[in-house]
Amino acid sequence: MKSIFYFDEDTKEFTHSSLVSEDSLLPANAVEEAPKSKDGFGLFEPIKRDTVNNCWVGTSEEDFLKARPASTPSQSDQERATLIAEVAQASAFATQQATVNAELMATIAKLQGGDTK
């Protein structure tokens, strides 16, 4: 089995990949080369096939980020942050409570004439 990578014949944009048998013929709009840069790194979308130079070309990181609006925290992200803060506060309270309990146990043992060591 081998992977092949398809691109749209008109726009040359990467569309999908597929596993085929080793002896399968490649369609005109597919190559065996994975969509990576010449130095082997991933590419930013949209990824297009340069059929003249036989390589994949991605968008610059700057253009990729410009094309996507800055994300704002969703309601669930805000709720998650609130819950994390509440858990941290509860943990701090539990630690304080454990200290108070230990002190009370020592005091009770001392009052009952027990060893506090």
Protein backbone atom coordinates (compact mmCIF):
# COMPACT_ATOMS: atom_id res chain seq x y z
CA MET A 1 0.00 0.00 0.00
CA LYS A 2 1.11 3.55 -0.67
CA SER A 3 -0.32 6.98 0.01
CA ILE A 4 -1.22 9.31 -2.81
CA PHE A 5 -2.16 12.95 -2.52
CA TYR A 6 -4.81 14.53 -4.72
CA PHE A 7 -5.20 18.10 -5.89
CA ASP A 8 -7.98 19.86 -7.76
CA GLU A 9 -7.15 19.87 -11.47
CA ASP A 10 -8.27 23.49 -11.92
CA THR A 11 -7.15 25.25 -8.74
CA LYS A 12 -4.31 22.81 -7.95
CA GLU A 13 -5.40 22.97 -4.30
CA PHE A 14 -4.76 19.88 -2.15
CA THR A 15 -8.02 17.99 -1.67
CA HIS A 16 -7.33 14.69 0.09
CA SER A 17 -5.12 11.64 0.38
CA SER A 18 -5.80 7.98 -0.17
CA LEU A 19 -4.16 4.60 0.34
CA VAL A 20 -3.85 2.54 -2.83
CA SER A 21 -2.07 -0.67 -3.79
CA GLU A 22 1.60 -0.39 -4.77
CA ASP A 23 0.87 -1.19 -8.41
CA SER A 24 -1.91 1.40 -8.80
CA LEU A 25 -1.48 3.98 -11.53
CA LEU A 26 -1.52 7.59 -10.43
CA PRO A 27 -4.36 9.76 -11.70
CA ALA A 28 -3.28 12.98 -13.41
CA ASN A 29 -4.30 14.97 -10.34
CA ALA A 30 -2.37 12.92 -7.77
CA VAL A 31 1.23 12.49 -6.62
CA GLU A 32 3.05 10.29 -4.13
CA GLU A 33 4.81 13.26 -2.54
CA ALA A 34 3.16 14.36 0.71
CA PRO A 35 2.20 18.03 0.95
CA LYS A 36 5.26 19.32 2.77
CA SER A 37 7.70 22.11 2.08
CA LYS A 38 10.96 21.39 0.31
CA ASP A 39 12.71 21.29 3.70
CA GLY A 40 10.22 18.70 5.00
CA PHE A 41 8.03 20.88 7.19
CA GLY A 42 4.26 21.24 7.08
CA LEU A 43 2.55 23.94 5.08
CA PHE A 44 -0.12 26.50 5.92
CA GLU A 45 -3.43 26.17 4.10
CA PRO A 46 -4.41 26.58 1.40
CA ILE A 47 -1.87 24.14 0.01
CA LYS A 48 -1.49 24.02 -3.77
CA ARG A 49 0.44 21.86 -6.18
CA ASP A 50 3.00 23.69 -8.29
CA THR A 51 2.86 21.48 -11.39
CA VAL A 52 5.68 23.39 -13.07
CA ASN A 53 8.22 22.84 -10.27
CA ASN A 54 6.61 19.60 -9.05
CA CYS A 55 6.26 20.63 -5.43
CA TRP A 56 3.64 21.66 -2.89
CA VAL A 57 3.31 25.33 -1.98
CA GLY A 58 1.59 26.68 1.11
CA THR A 59 0.47 30.09 2.25
CA SER A 60 2.83 32.17 4.38
CA GLU A 61 2.19 32.03 8.11
CA GLU A 62 1.39 35.75 8.08
CA ASP A 63 -1.27 35.38 5.36
CA PHE A 64 -2.66 32.26 7.03
CA LEU A 65 -3.15 34.14 10.31
CA LYS A 66 -4.61 37.20 8.57
CA ALA A 67 -7.22 35.05 6.84
CA ARG A 68 -8.53 33.77 10.16
CA PRO A 69 -10.19 36.11 12.62
CA ALA A 70 -8.72 36.21 16.09
CA SER A 71 -10.59 33.74 18.19
CA THR A 72 -12.44 34.95 21.22
CA PRO A 73 -12.88 32.66 24.18
CA SER A 74 -16.08 30.73 23.88
CA GLN A 75 -18.54 30.44 26.71
CA SER A 76 -17.14 27.01 27.52
CA ASP A 77 -13.58 28.41 27.66
CA GLN A 78 -14.71 31.10 30.09
CA GLU A 79 -16.60 28.55 32.17
CA ARG A 80 -13.54 26.29 32.20
CA ALA A 81 -11.35 29.15 33.42
CA THR A 82 -13.84 29.94 36.19
CA LEU A 83 -13.97 26.29 37.25
CA ILE A 84 -10.17 26.05 37.31
CA ALA A 85 -10.04 29.12 39.57
CA GLU A 86 -12.70 27.61 41.85
CA VAL A 87 -10.82 24.31 42.07
CA ALA A 88 -7.61 26.16 42.96
CA GLN A 89 -9.47 28.10 45.65
CA ALA A 90 -11.07 24.91 47.01
CA SER A 91 -7.68 23.20 47.07
CA ALA A 92 -6.16 26.08 49.04
CA PHE A 93 -9.09 25.96 51.47
CA ALA A 94 -8.69 22.18 51.87
CA THR A 95 -4.99 22.67 52.71
CA GLN A 96 -5.86 25.32 55.30
CA GLN A 97 -8.57 23.09 56.74
CA ALA A 98 -6.15 20.17 57.03
CA THR A 99 -3.77 22.39 59.00
CA VAL A 100 -6.56 23.53 61.34
CA ASN A 101 -7.71 19.93 61.81
CA ALA A 102 -4.18 18.80 62.68
CA GLU A 103 -3.85 21.62 65.22
CA LEU A 104 -7.21 20.74 66.75
CA MET A 105 -6.28 17.05 66.98
CA ALA A 106 -3.03 18.00 68.72
CA THR A 107 -4.91 20.23 71.16
CA ILE A 108 -7.47 17.49 71.93
CA ALA A 109 -4.71 14.95 72.49
CA LYS A 110 -2.90 17.37 74.81
CA LEU A 111 -6.10 18.08 76.78
CA GLN A 112 -6.73 14.37 77.14
CA GLY A 113 -3.21 13.90 78.43
CA GLY A 114 -1.98 12.13 75.32
CA ASP A 115 1.37 12.41 73.61
CA THR A 116 1.43 15.12 70.94
CA LYS A 117 4.66 13.90 69.35
